[in-house]
Amino acid sequence: QMLEARIPVLTESQRRSTGRDDRPLQPNSIIFAFKLQSTVATSGNMSIRGPYGFQFVESCLFGVVVSQEMTFGRGNRFPMGYAIWPNDVNVTGCFGVGSQAELSIRVAPGSGLIG
């Protein structure tokens, strides 16, 4: 379970590098940041909801990025306070409907998302 979720404020460099465009009816890239209540060590699904007006495409896996090298745009590392997504925790599916998406998460034995 998530304790908190938010959309981080981006620098101008991060905004350009990620394709963030907040104009109405324009394609947009959004970063979702969240804090978990406890460590997740098993595979399962994660539900996320975008802000008002945001629409996920039905097959949304191609747009999911979790690597430090790309999440905040090429050449921008994670800001202080953000944990790096573990290499052995993989997003294997994403199904979007409107502003909601269901992500399938595969956690390798001995790994997990730290809460």
PDB file of N, CA and C in Angstrom:
ATOM      1  N   GLN A   1       0.841  -1.177   0.000  1.00  0.00           N
ATOM      2  CA  GLN A   1       0.000   0.000   0.000  1.00  0.00           C
ATOM      3  C   GLN A   1       0.888   1.243   0.000  1.00  0.00           C
ATOM      4  N   MET A   2       0.440   2.282  -0.690  1.00  0.00           N
ATOM      5  CA  MET A   2       1.196   3.525  -0.780  1.00  0.00           C
ATOM      6  C   MET A   2       0.841   4.452   0.370  1.00  0.00           C
ATOM      7  N   LEU A   3       1.882   5.022   0.998  1.00  0.00           N
ATOM      8  CA  LEU A   3       1.670   6.047   2.018  1.00  0.00           C
ATOM      9  C   LEU A   3       1.379   7.393   1.374  1.00  0.00           C
ATOM     10  N   GLU A   4       2.088   7.671   0.283  1.00  0.00           N
ATOM     11  CA  GLU A   4       1.874   8.918  -0.441  1.00  0.00           C
ATOM     12  C   GLU A   4       2.244   8.722  -1.901  1.00  0.00           C
ATOM     13  N   ALA A   5       1.668   9.540  -2.735  1.00  0.00           N
ATOM     14  CA  ALA A   5       1.989   9.545  -4.168  1.00  0.00           C
ATOM     15  C   ALA A   5       1.905  10.989  -4.641  1.00  0.00           C
ATOM     16  N   ARG A   6       2.778  11.318  -5.585  1.00  0.00           N
ATOM     17  CA  ARG A   6       2.768  12.688  -6.100  1.00  0.00           C
ATOM     18  C   ARG A   6       3.419  12.743  -7.471  1.00  0.00           C
ATOM     19  N   ILE A   7       3.278  13.874  -8.108  1.00  0.00           N
ATOM     20  CA  ILE A   7       3.943  14.157  -9.376  1.00  0.00           C
ATOM     21  C   ILE A   7       5.003  15.202  -9.051  1.00  0.00           C
ATOM     22  N   PRO A   8       6.292  14.844  -9.153  1.00  0.00           N
ATOM     23  CA  PRO A   8       7.351  15.779  -8.760  1.00  0.00           C
ATOM     24  C   PRO A   8       7.378  17.046  -9.618  1.00  0.00           C
ATOM     25  N   VAL A   9       7.766  18.147  -9.002  1.00  0.00           N
ATOM     26  CA  VAL A   9       8.021  19.388  -9.721  1.00  0.00           C
ATOM     27  C   VAL A   9       9.351  19.206 -10.440  1.00  0.00           C
ATOM     28  N   LEU A  10       9.401  19.555 -11.718  1.00  0.00           N
ATOM     29  CA  LEU A  10      10.597  19.338 -12.530  1.00  0.00           C
ATOM     30  C   LEU A  10      11.332  20.644 -12.811  1.00  0.00           C
ATOM     31  N   THR A  11      12.648  20.516 -12.962  1.00  0.00           N
ATOM     32  CA  THR A  11      13.434  21.652 -13.444  1.00  0.00           C
ATOM     33  C   THR A  11      13.142  21.803 -14.933  1.00  0.00           C
ATOM     34  N   GLU A  12      13.542  22.922 -15.518  1.00  0.00           N
ATOM     35  CA  GLU A  12      13.327  23.117 -16.950  1.00  0.00           C
ATOM     36  C   GLU A  12      14.068  22.054 -17.763  1.00  0.00           C
ATOM     37  N   SER A  13      15.276  21.699 -17.349  1.00  0.00           N
ATOM     38  CA  SER A  13      16.052  20.659 -18.033  1.00  0.00           C
ATOM     39  C   SER A  13      15.327  19.311 -17.982  1.00  0.00           C
ATOM     40  N   GLN A  14      14.792  18.949 -16.816  1.00  0.00           N
ATOM     41  CA  GLN A  14      14.048  17.697 -16.676  1.00  0.00           C
ATOM     42  C   GLN A  14      12.777  17.734 -17.510  1.00  0.00           C
ATOM     43  N   ARG A  15      12.101  18.849 -17.522  1.00  0.00           N
ATOM     44  CA  ARG A  15      10.852  18.998 -18.286  1.00  0.00           C
ATOM     45  C   ARG A  15      11.109  18.768 -19.779  1.00  0.00           C
ATOM     46  N   ARG A  16      12.149  19.386 -20.317  1.00  0.00           N
ATOM     47  CA  ARG A  16      12.481  19.208 -21.735  1.00  0.00           C
ATOM     48  C   ARG A  16      12.923  17.773 -22.019  1.00  0.00           C
ATOM     49  N   SER A  17      13.751  17.211 -21.133  1.00  0.00           N
ATOM     50  CA  SER A  17      14.308  15.872 -21.354  1.00  0.00           C
ATOM     51  C   SER A  17      13.264  14.761 -21.276  1.00  0.00           C
ATOM     52  N   THR A  18      12.196  14.979 -20.505  1.00  0.00           N
ATOM     53  CA  THR A  18      11.181  13.941 -20.348  1.00  0.00           C
ATOM     54  C   THR A  18       9.993  14.101 -21.296  1.00  0.00           C
ATOM     55  N   GLY A  19       9.915  15.221 -21.998  1.00  0.00           N
ATOM     56  CA  GLY A  19       8.776  15.438 -22.884  1.00  0.00           C
ATOM     57  C   GLY A  19       7.545  15.915 -22.136  1.00  0.00           C
ATOM     58  N   ARG A  20       7.719  16.484 -20.967  1.00  0.00           N
ATOM     59  CA  ARG A  20       6.599  16.992 -20.176  1.00  0.00           C
ATOM     60  C   ARG A  20       5.991  18.188 -20.881  1.00  0.00           C
ATOM     61  N   ASP A  21       4.669  18.159 -21.092  1.00  0.00           N
ATOM     62  CA  ASP A  21       3.960  19.249 -21.764  1.00  0.00           C
ATOM     63  C   ASP A  21       2.582  19.358 -21.138  1.00  0.00           C
ATOM     64  N   ASP A  22       2.388  20.339 -20.300  1.00  0.00           N
ATOM     65  CA  ASP A  22       1.137  20.470 -19.557  1.00  0.00           C
ATOM     66  C   ASP A  22       0.032  21.229 -20.289  1.00  0.00           C
ATOM     67  N   ARG A  23       0.235  21.523 -21.564  1.00  0.00           N
ATOM     68  CA  ARG A  23      -0.815  22.220 -22.313  1.00  0.00           C
ATOM     69  C   ARG A  23      -1.996  21.276 -22.543  1.00  0.00           C
ATOM     70  N   PRO A  24      -3.206  21.786 -22.550  1.00  0.00           N
ATOM     71  CA  PRO A  24      -4.386  20.941 -22.770  1.00  0.00           C
ATOM     72  C   PRO A  24      -4.312  20.177 -24.093  1.00  0.00           C
ATOM     73  N   LEU A  25      -4.735  18.925 -24.062  1.00  0.00           N
ATOM     74  CA  LEU A  25      -4.879  18.040 -25.218  1.00  0.00           C
ATOM     75  C   LEU A  25      -3.557  17.694 -25.907  1.00  0.00           C
ATOM     76  N   GLN A  26      -2.426  17.916 -25.238  1.00  0.00           N
ATOM     77  CA  GLN A  26      -1.122  17.571 -25.804  1.00  0.00           C
ATOM     78  C   GLN A  26      -0.628  16.264 -25.192  1.00  0.00           C
ATOM     79  N   PRO A  27       0.079  15.438 -25.971  1.00  0.00           N
ATOM     80  CA  PRO A  27       0.707  14.246 -25.375  1.00  0.00           C
ATOM     81  C   PRO A  27       1.645  14.687 -24.253  1.00  0.00           C
ATOM     82  N   ASN A  28       1.724  13.885 -23.200  1.00  0.00           N
ATOM     83  CA  ASN A  28       2.467  14.295 -22.025  1.00  0.00           C
ATOM     84  C   ASN A  28       3.162  13.113 -21.379  1.00  0.00           C
ATOM     85  N   SER A  29       4.295  13.364 -20.777  1.00  0.00           N
ATOM     86  CA  SER A  29       5.015  12.376 -19.982  1.00  0.00           C
ATOM     87  C   SER A  29       4.981  12.850 -18.536  1.00  0.00           C
ATOM     88  N   ILE A  30       4.510  11.990 -17.651  1.00  0.00           N
ATOM     89  CA  ILE A  30       4.396  12.346 -16.245  1.00  0.00           C
ATOM     90  C   ILE A  30       5.222  11.368 -15.421  1.00  0.00           C
ATOM     91  N   ILE A  31       5.909  11.889 -14.412  1.00  0.00           N
ATOM     92  CA  ILE A  31       6.631  11.053 -13.464  1.00  0.00           C
ATOM     93  C   ILE A  31       5.738  10.874 -12.244  1.00  0.00           C
ATOM     94  N   PHE A  32       5.526   9.628 -11.855  1.00  0.00           N
ATOM     95  CA  PHE A  32       4.767   9.311 -10.643  1.00  0.00           C
ATOM     96  C   PHE A  32       5.769   8.916  -9.568  1.00  0.00           C
ATOM     97  N   ALA A  33       5.759   9.589  -8.441  1.00  0.00           N
ATOM     98  CA  ALA A  33       6.613   9.248  -7.307  1.00  0.00           C
ATOM     99  C   ALA A  33       5.715   8.751  -6.183  1.00  0.00           C
ATOM    100  N   PHE A  34       6.181   7.735  -5.474  1.00  0.00           N
ATOM    101  CA  PHE A  34       5.361   7.197  -4.385  1.00  0.00           C
ATOM    102  C   PHE A  34       6.234   6.651  -3.274  1.00  0.00           C
ATOM    103  N   LYS A  35       5.650   6.592  -2.077  1.00  0.00           N
ATOM    104  CA  LYS A  35       6.297   6.013  -0.904  1.00  0.00           C
ATOM    105  C   LYS A  35       5.412   4.867  -0.427  1.00  0.00           C
ATOM    106  N   LEU A  36       6.025   3.700  -0.232  1.00  0.00           N
ATOM    107  CA  LEU A  36       5.282   2.522   0.188  1.00  0.00           C
ATOM    108  C   LEU A  36       5.206   2.430   1.713  1.00  0.00           C
ATOM    109  N   GLN A  37       4.126   1.823   2.205  1.00  0.00           N
ATOM    110  CA  GLN A  37       3.948   1.643   3.635  1.00  0.00           C
ATOM    111  C   GLN A  37       4.935   0.617   4.175  1.00  0.00           C
ATOM    112  N   SER A  38       5.191  -0.432   3.388  1.00  0.00           N
ATOM    113  CA  SER A  38       6.129  -1.480   3.805  1.00  0.00           C
ATOM    114  C   SER A  38       6.811  -2.054   2.570  1.00  0.00           C
ATOM    115  N   THR A  39       7.854  -2.834   2.778  1.00  0.00           N
ATOM    116  CA  THR A  39       8.597  -3.440   1.679  1.00  0.00           C
ATOM    117  C   THR A  39       7.707  -4.421   0.920  1.00  0.00           C
ATOM    118  N   VAL A  40       7.785  -4.378  -0.399  1.00  0.00           N
ATOM    119  CA  VAL A  40       7.046  -5.308  -1.253  1.00  0.00           C
ATOM    120  C   VAL A  40       8.053  -6.302  -1.814  1.00  0.00           C
ATOM    121  N   ALA A  41       7.909  -7.584  -1.423  1.00  0.00           N
ATOM    122  CA  ALA A  41       8.871  -8.608  -1.823  1.00  0.00           C
ATOM    123  C   ALA A  41       8.246  -9.682  -2.705  1.00  0.00           C
ATOM    124  N   THR A  42       6.993  -9.484  -3.105  1.00  0.00           N
ATOM    125  CA  THR A  42       6.321 -10.457  -3.973  1.00  0.00           C
ATOM    126  C   THR A  42       5.790  -9.765  -5.220  1.00  0.00           C
ATOM    127  N   SER A  43       5.677 -10.535  -6.275  1.00  0.00           N
ATOM    128  CA  SER A  43       5.137 -10.002  -7.533  1.00  0.00           C
ATOM    129  C   SER A  43       3.651  -9.706  -7.376  1.00  0.00           C
ATOM    130  N   GLY A  44       3.141  -8.791  -8.180  1.00  0.00           N
ATOM    131  CA  GLY A  44       1.726  -8.455  -8.118  1.00  0.00           C
ATOM    132  C   GLY A  44       1.415  -7.272  -9.006  1.00  0.00           C
ATOM    133  N   ASN A  45       0.288  -6.632  -8.750  1.00  0.00           N
ATOM    134  CA  ASN A  45      -0.155  -5.494  -9.546  1.00  0.00           C
ATOM    135  C   ASN A  45      -0.108  -4.213  -8.724  1.00  0.00           C
ATOM    136  N   MET A  46       0.102  -3.114  -9.411  1.00  0.00           N
ATOM    137  CA  MET A  46       0.086  -1.790  -8.801  1.00  0.00           C
ATOM    138  C   MET A  46      -0.849  -0.910  -9.619  1.00  0.00           C
ATOM    139  N   SER A  47      -1.786  -0.258  -8.953  1.00  0.00           N
ATOM    140  CA  SER A  47      -2.712   0.654  -9.624  1.00  0.00           C
ATOM    141  C   SER A  47      -2.238   2.084  -9.427  1.00  0.00           C
ATOM    142  N   ILE A  48      -2.241   2.848 -10.504  1.00  0.00           N
ATOM    143  CA  ILE A  48      -1.919   4.269 -10.420  1.00  0.00           C
ATOM    144  C   ILE A  48      -3.003   5.061 -11.139  1.00  0.00           C
ATOM    145  N   ARG A  49      -3.172   6.297 -10.695  1.00  0.00           N
ATOM    146  CA  ARG A  49      -4.172   7.175 -11.315  1.00  0.00           C
ATOM    147  C   ARG A  49      -3.506   8.495 -11.640  1.00  0.00           C
ATOM    148  N   GLY A  50      -3.647   8.923 -12.874  1.00  0.00           N
ATOM    149  CA  GLY A  50      -3.092  10.193 -13.306  1.00  0.00           C
ATOM    150  C   GLY A  50      -3.970  11.350 -12.876  1.00  0.00           C
ATOM    151  N   PRO A  51      -3.472  12.559 -13.050  1.00  0.00           N
ATOM    152  CA  PRO A  51      -4.255  13.747 -12.680  1.00  0.00           C
ATOM    153  C   PRO A  51      -5.441  13.957 -13.623  1.00  0.00           C
ATOM    154  N   TYR A  52      -6.324  14.836 -13.231  1.00  0.00           N
ATOM    155  CA  TYR A  52      -7.495  15.172 -14.034  1.00  0.00           C
ATOM    156  C   TYR A  52      -7.062  15.507 -15.461  1.00  0.00           C
ATOM    157  N   GLY A  53      -7.698  14.863 -16.433  1.00  0.00           N
ATOM    158  CA  GLY A  53      -7.425  15.132 -17.836  1.00  0.00           C
ATOM    159  C   GLY A  53      -6.357  14.247 -18.447  1.00  0.00           C
ATOM    160  N   PHE A  54      -5.563  13.572 -17.619  1.00  0.00           N
ATOM    161  CA  PHE A  54      -4.519  12.687 -18.158  1.00  0.00           C
ATOM    162  C   PHE A  54      -5.160  11.389 -18.622  1.00  0.00           C
ATOM    163  N   GLN A  55      -4.730  10.885 -19.780  1.00  0.00           N
ATOM    164  CA  GLN A  55      -5.273   9.642 -20.332  1.00  0.00           C
ATOM    165  C   GLN A  55      -4.130   8.674 -20.646  1.00  0.00           C
ATOM    166  N   PHE A  56      -4.178   7.485 -20.052  1.00  0.00           N
ATOM    167  CA  PHE A  56      -3.228   6.431 -20.404  1.00  0.00           C
ATOM    168  C   PHE A  56      -3.696   5.769 -21.692  1.00  0.00           C
ATOM    169  N   VAL A  57      -2.751   5.349 -22.525  1.00  0.00           N
ATOM    170  CA  VAL A  57      -3.125   4.506 -23.658  1.00  0.00           C
ATOM    171  C   VAL A  57      -3.394   3.115 -23.100  1.00  0.00           C
ATOM    172  N   GLU A  58      -4.181   2.318 -23.824  1.00  0.00           N
ATOM    173  CA  GLU A  58      -4.569   1.004 -23.313  1.00  0.00           C
ATOM    174  C   GLU A  58      -3.357   0.111 -23.048  1.00  0.00           C
ATOM    175  N   SER A  59      -2.484  -0.002 -24.019  1.00  0.00           N
ATOM    176  CA  SER A  59      -1.259  -0.798 -23.853  1.00  0.00           C
ATOM    177  C   SER A  59      -0.132   0.172 -23.525  1.00  0.00           C
ATOM    178  N   CYS A  60       0.118   0.410 -22.236  1.00  0.00           N
ATOM    179  CA  CYS A  60       0.975   1.516 -21.815  1.00  0.00           C
ATOM    180  C   CYS A  60       2.381   1.117 -21.377  1.00  0.00           C
ATOM    181  N   LEU A  61       2.756  -0.147 -21.522  1.00  0.00           N
ATOM    182  CA  LEU A  61       4.070  -0.587 -21.052  1.00  0.00           C
ATOM    183  C   LEU A  61       5.220   0.173 -21.706  1.00  0.00           C
ATOM    184  N   PHE A  62       5.094   0.500 -22.996  1.00  0.00           N
ATOM    185  CA  PHE A  62       6.176   1.200 -23.709  1.00  0.00           C
ATOM    186  C   PHE A  62       6.507   2.545 -23.066  1.00  0.00           C
ATOM    187  N   GLY A  63       5.584   3.133 -22.345  1.00  0.00           N
ATOM    188  CA  GLY A  63       5.808   4.435 -21.737  1.00  0.00           C
ATOM    189  C   GLY A  63       6.280   4.389 -20.293  1.00  0.00           C
ATOM    190  N   VAL A  64       6.440   3.182 -19.739  1.00  0.00           N
ATOM    191  CA  VAL A  64       6.877   3.043 -18.349  1.00  0.00           C
ATOM    192  C   VAL A  64       8.402   3.030 -18.299  1.00  0.00           C
ATOM    193  N   VAL A  65       8.977   3.956 -17.548  1.00  0.00           N
ATOM    194  CA  VAL A  65      10.426   4.061 -17.399  1.00  0.00           C
ATOM    195  C   VAL A  65      10.740   4.091 -15.912  1.00  0.00           C
ATOM    196  N   VAL A  66      11.643   3.226 -15.455  1.00  0.00           N
ATOM    197  CA  VAL A  66      12.007   3.202 -14.035  1.00  0.00           C
ATOM    198  C   VAL A  66      13.513   3.385 -13.802  1.00  0.00           C
ATOM    199  N   SER A  67      14.308   3.416 -14.853  1.00  0.00           N
ATOM    200  CA  SER A  67      15.758   3.519 -14.693  1.00  0.00           C
ATOM    201  C   SER A  67      16.176   4.929 -14.294  1.00  0.00           C
ATOM    202  N   GLN A  68      17.220   5.013 -13.478  1.00  0.00           N
ATOM    203  CA  GLN A  68      17.733   6.318 -13.076  1.00  0.00           C
ATOM    204  C   GLN A  68      18.239   7.109 -14.286  1.00  0.00           C
ATOM    205  N   GLU A  69      18.734   6.413 -15.293  1.00  0.00           N
ATOM    206  CA  GLU A  69      19.290   7.063 -16.475  1.00  0.00           C
ATOM    207  C   GLU A  69      18.238   7.782 -17.315  1.00  0.00           C
ATOM    208  N   MET A  70      16.962   7.383 -17.200  1.00  0.00           N
ATOM    209  CA  MET A  70      15.941   7.940 -18.092  1.00  0.00           C
ATOM    210  C   MET A  70      14.728   8.576 -17.393  1.00  0.00           C
ATOM    211  N   THR A  71      14.452   8.225 -16.162  1.00  0.00           N
ATOM    212  CA  THR A  71      13.213   8.681 -15.522  1.00  0.00           C
ATOM    213  C   THR A  71      13.069  10.202 -15.529  1.00  0.00           C
ATOM    214  N   PHE A  72      14.114  10.925 -15.134  1.00  0.00           N
ATOM    215  CA  PHE A  72      14.067  12.390 -15.119  1.00  0.00           C
ATOM    216  C   PHE A  72      14.691  12.977 -16.373  1.00  0.00           C
ATOM    217  N   GLY A  73      14.830  12.152 -17.407  1.00  0.00           N
ATOM    218  CA  GLY A  73      15.396  12.588 -18.679  1.00  0.00           C
ATOM    219  C   GLY A  73      16.869  12.234 -18.763  1.00  0.00           C
ATOM    220  N   ARG A  74      17.307  11.966 -19.982  1.00  0.00           N
ATOM    221  CA  ARG A  74      18.709  11.586 -20.219  1.00  0.00           C
ATOM    222  C   ARG A  74      19.647  12.645 -19.636  1.00  0.00           C
ATOM    223  N   GLY A  75      20.610  12.170 -18.831  1.00  0.00           N
ATOM    224  CA  GLY A  75      21.584  13.072 -18.227  1.00  0.00           C
ATOM    225  C   GLY A  75      21.160  13.661 -16.895  1.00  0.00           C
ATOM    226  N   ASN A  76      19.936  13.379 -16.432  1.00  0.00           N
ATOM    227  CA  ASN A  76      19.441  13.882 -15.154  1.00  0.00           C
ATOM    228  C   ASN A  76      19.291  12.722 -14.177  1.00  0.00           C
ATOM    229  N   ARG A  77      20.036  12.736 -13.103  1.00  0.00           N
ATOM    230  CA  ARG A  77      19.948  11.702 -12.067  1.00  0.00           C
ATOM    231  C   ARG A  77      18.744  11.970 -11.162  1.00  0.00           C
ATOM    232  N   PHE A  78      18.399  10.962 -10.360  1.00  0.00           N
ATOM    233  CA  PHE A  78      17.315  11.138  -9.403  1.00  0.00           C
ATOM    234  C   PHE A  78      17.689  12.251  -8.417  1.00  0.00           C
ATOM    235  N   PRO A  79      16.762  13.142  -8.116  1.00  0.00           N
ATOM    236  CA  PRO A  79      17.022  14.164  -7.090  1.00  0.00           C
ATOM    237  C   PRO A  79      17.161  13.510  -5.708  1.00  0.00           C
ATOM    238  N   MET A  80      17.716  14.255  -4.763  1.00  0.00           N
ATOM    239  CA  MET A  80      17.820  13.775  -3.379  1.00  0.00           C
ATOM    240  C   MET A  80      16.441  13.342  -2.883  1.00  0.00           C
ATOM    241  N   GLY A  81      16.418  12.269  -2.119  1.00  0.00           N
ATOM    242  CA  GLY A  81      15.167  11.801  -1.538  1.00  0.00           C
ATOM    243  C   GLY A  81      14.447  10.752  -2.363  1.00  0.00           C
ATOM    244  N   TYR A  82      14.947  10.440  -3.556  1.00  0.00           N
ATOM    245  CA  TYR A  82      14.338   9.422  -4.404  1.00  0.00           C
ATOM    246  C   TYR A  82      15.216   8.176  -4.413  1.00  0.00           C
ATOM    247  N   ALA A  83      14.601   7.011  -4.241  1.00  0.00           N
ATOM    248  CA  ALA A  83      15.336   5.744  -4.265  1.00  0.00           C
ATOM    249  C   ALA A  83      15.384   5.213  -5.693  1.00  0.00           C
ATOM    250  N   ILE A  84      16.479   4.554  -6.006  1.00  0.00           N
ATOM    251  CA  ILE A  84      16.629   3.930  -7.328  1.00  0.00           C
ATOM    252  C   ILE A  84      15.799   2.654  -7.371  1.00  0.00           C
ATOM    253  N   TRP A  85      15.064   2.483  -8.463  1.00  0.00           N
ATOM    254  CA  TRP A  85      14.243   1.286  -8.664  1.00  0.00           C
ATOM    255  C   TRP A  85      15.201   0.104  -8.841  1.00  0.00           C
ATOM    256  N   PRO A  86      15.040  -0.992  -8.075  1.00  0.00           N
ATOM    257  CA  PRO A  86      15.960  -2.126  -8.165  1.00  0.00           C
ATOM    258  C   PRO A  86      15.938  -2.792  -9.548  1.00  0.00           C
ATOM    259  N   ASN A  87      17.111  -3.229 -10.006  1.00  0.00           N
ATOM    260  CA  ASN A  87      17.221  -3.888 -11.321  1.00  0.00           C
ATOM    261  C   ASN A  87      16.447  -5.188 -11.403  1.00  0.00           C
ATOM    262  N   ASP A  88      16.248  -5.861 -10.271  1.00  0.00           N
ATOM    263  CA  ASP A  88      15.560  -7.150 -10.309  1.00  0.00           C
ATOM    264  C   ASP A  88      14.081  -7.050  -9.912  1.00  0.00           C
ATOM    265  N   VAL A  89      13.532  -5.859 -10.042  1.00  0.00           N
ATOM    266  CA  VAL A  89      12.086  -5.630  -9.935  1.00  0.00           C
ATOM    267  C   VAL A  89      11.669  -5.036 -11.279  1.00  0.00           C
ATOM    268  N   ASN A  90      10.852  -5.783 -12.016  1.00  0.00           N
ATOM    269  CA  ASN A  90      10.521  -5.394 -13.392  1.00  0.00           C
ATOM    270  C   ASN A  90       9.037  -5.129 -13.576  1.00  0.00           C
ATOM    271  N   VAL A  91       8.737  -4.089 -14.337  1.00  0.00           N
ATOM    272  CA  VAL A  91       7.360  -3.832 -14.761  1.00  0.00           C
ATOM    273  C   VAL A  91       7.173  -4.644 -16.041  1.00  0.00           C
ATOM    274  N   THR A  92       6.277  -5.624 -15.993  1.00  0.00           N
ATOM    275  CA  THR A  92       6.110  -6.550 -17.119  1.00  0.00           C
ATOM    276  C   THR A  92       4.839  -6.300 -17.919  1.00  0.00           C
ATOM    277  N   GLY A  93       3.974  -5.437 -17.421  1.00  0.00           N
ATOM    278  CA  GLY A  93       2.746  -5.129 -18.143  1.00  0.00           C
ATOM    279  C   GLY A  93       2.151  -3.826 -17.669  1.00  0.00           C
ATOM    280  N   CYS A  94       1.367  -3.211 -18.535  1.00  0.00           N
ATOM    281  CA  CYS A  94       0.673  -1.976 -18.182  1.00  0.00           C
ATOM    282  C   CYS A  94      -0.599  -1.902 -19.026  1.00  0.00           C
ATOM    283  N   PHE A  95      -1.731  -1.802 -18.359  1.00  0.00           N
ATOM    284  CA  PHE A  95      -3.016  -1.697 -19.036  1.00  0.00           C
ATOM    285  C   PHE A  95      -3.700  -0.431 -18.556  1.00  0.00           C
ATOM    286  N   GLY A  96      -3.945   0.507 -19.471  1.00  0.00           N
ATOM    287  CA  GLY A  96      -4.543   1.773 -19.103  1.00  0.00           C
ATOM    288  C   GLY A  96      -5.972   1.921 -19.576  1.00  0.00           C
ATOM    289  N   VAL A  97      -6.774   2.564 -18.748  1.00  0.00           N
ATOM    290  CA  VAL A  97      -8.151   2.925 -19.079  1.00  0.00           C
ATOM    291  C   VAL A  97      -8.385   4.319 -18.511  1.00  0.00           C
ATOM    292  N   GLY A  98      -8.502   5.293 -19.403  1.00  0.00           N
ATOM    293  CA  GLY A  98      -8.692   6.669 -18.939  1.00  0.00           C
ATOM    294  C   GLY A  98      -7.501   7.126 -18.128  1.00  0.00           C
ATOM    295  N   SER A  99      -7.764   7.655 -16.945  1.00  0.00           N
ATOM    296  CA  SER A  99      -6.684   8.166 -16.104  1.00  0.00           C
ATOM    297  C   SER A  99      -6.102   7.101 -15.173  1.00  0.00           C
ATOM    298  N   GLN A 100      -6.535   5.843 -15.333  1.00  0.00           N
ATOM    299  CA  GLN A 100      -6.068   4.763 -14.459  1.00  0.00           C
ATOM    300  C   GLN A 100      -5.230   3.766 -15.246  1.00  0.00           C
ATOM    301  N   ALA A 101      -4.222   3.203 -14.559  1.00  0.00           N
ATOM    302  CA  ALA A 101      -3.399   2.155 -15.172  1.00  0.00           C
ATOM    303  C   ALA A 101      -3.110   1.081 -14.139  1.00  0.00           C
ATOM    304  N   GLU A 102      -3.037  -0.136 -14.612  1.00  0.00           N
ATOM    305  CA  GLU A 102      -2.693  -1.285 -13.782  1.00  0.00           C
ATOM    306  C   GLU A 102      -1.349  -1.803 -14.278  1.00  0.00           C
ATOM    307  N   LEU A 103      -0.337  -1.757 -13.410  1.00  0.00           N
ATOM    308  CA  LEU A 103       0.997  -2.222 -13.753  1.00  0.00           C
ATOM    309  C   LEU A 103       1.221  -3.606 -13.159  1.00  0.00           C
ATOM    310  N   SER A 104       1.777  -4.514 -13.942  1.00  0.00           N
ATOM    311  CA  SER A 104       2.187  -5.823 -13.439  1.00  0.00           C
ATOM    312  C   SER A 104       3.647  -5.727 -13.052  1.00  0.00           C
ATOM    313  N   ILE A 105       3.950  -6.101 -11.796  1.00  0.00           N
ATOM    314  CA  ILE A 105       5.307  -5.988 -11.247  1.00  0.00           C
ATOM    315  C   ILE A 105       5.824  -7.383 -10.925  1.00  0.00           C
ATOM    316  N   ARG A 106       7.017  -7.718 -11.452  1.00  0.00           N
ATOM    317  CA  ARG A 106       7.657  -9.000 -11.139  1.00  0.00           C
ATOM    318  C   ARG A 106       8.865  -8.716 -10.247  1.00  0.00           C
ATOM    319  N   VAL A 107       8.848  -9.335  -9.072  1.00  0.00           N
ATOM    320  CA  VAL A 107       9.920  -9.161  -8.094  1.00  0.00           C
ATOM    321  C   VAL A 107      10.726 -10.456  -8.046  1.00  0.00           C
ATOM    322  N   ALA A 108      12.043 -10.355  -8.313  1.00  0.00           N
ATOM    323  CA  ALA A 108      12.906 -11.527  -8.267  1.00  0.00           C
ATOM    324  C   ALA A 108      13.064 -11.979  -6.810  1.00  0.00           C
ATOM    325  N   PRO A 109      13.256 -13.294  -6.586  1.00  0.00           N
ATOM    326  CA  PRO A 109      13.466 -13.775  -5.216  1.00  0.00           C
ATOM    327  C   PRO A 109      14.630 -13.033  -4.554  1.00  0.00           C
ATOM    328  N   GLY A 110      14.415 -12.638  -3.294  1.00  0.00           N
ATOM    329  CA  GLY A 110      15.443 -11.937  -2.550  1.00  0.00           C
ATOM    330  C   GLY A 110      15.492 -10.441  -2.783  1.00  0.00           C
ATOM    331  N   SER A 111      14.598  -9.932  -3.619  1.00  0.00           N
ATOM    332  CA  SER A 111      14.586  -8.502  -3.930  1.00  0.00           C
ATOM    333  C   SER A 111      13.278  -7.890  -3.451  1.00  0.00           C
ATOM    334  N   GLY A 112      13.065  -6.624  -3.766  1.00  0.00           N
ATOM    335  CA  GLY A 112      11.812  -5.975  -3.414  1.00  0.00           C
ATOM    336  C   GLY A 112      11.887  -4.482  -3.539  1.00  0.00           C
ATOM    337  N   LEU A 113      10.743  -3.860  -3.400  1.00  0.00           N
ATOM    338  CA  LEU A 113      10.643  -2.404  -3.344  1.00  0.00           C
ATOM    339  C   LEU A 113      10.602  -2.027  -1.873  1.00  0.00           C
ATOM    340  N   ILE A 114      11.533  -1.205  -1.444  1.00  0.00           N
ATOM    341  CA  ILE A 114      11.679  -0.859  -0.036  1.00  0.00           C
ATOM    342  C   ILE A 114      10.620   0.151   0.392  1.00  0.00           C
ATOM    343  N   GLY A 115       9.961  -0.142   1.487  1.00  0.00           N
ATOM    344  CA  GLY A 115       8.939   0.753   2.030  1.00  0.00           C
ATOM    345  C   GLY A 115       9.491   1.658   3.083  1.00  0.00           C
TER     346      GLY A 115
END
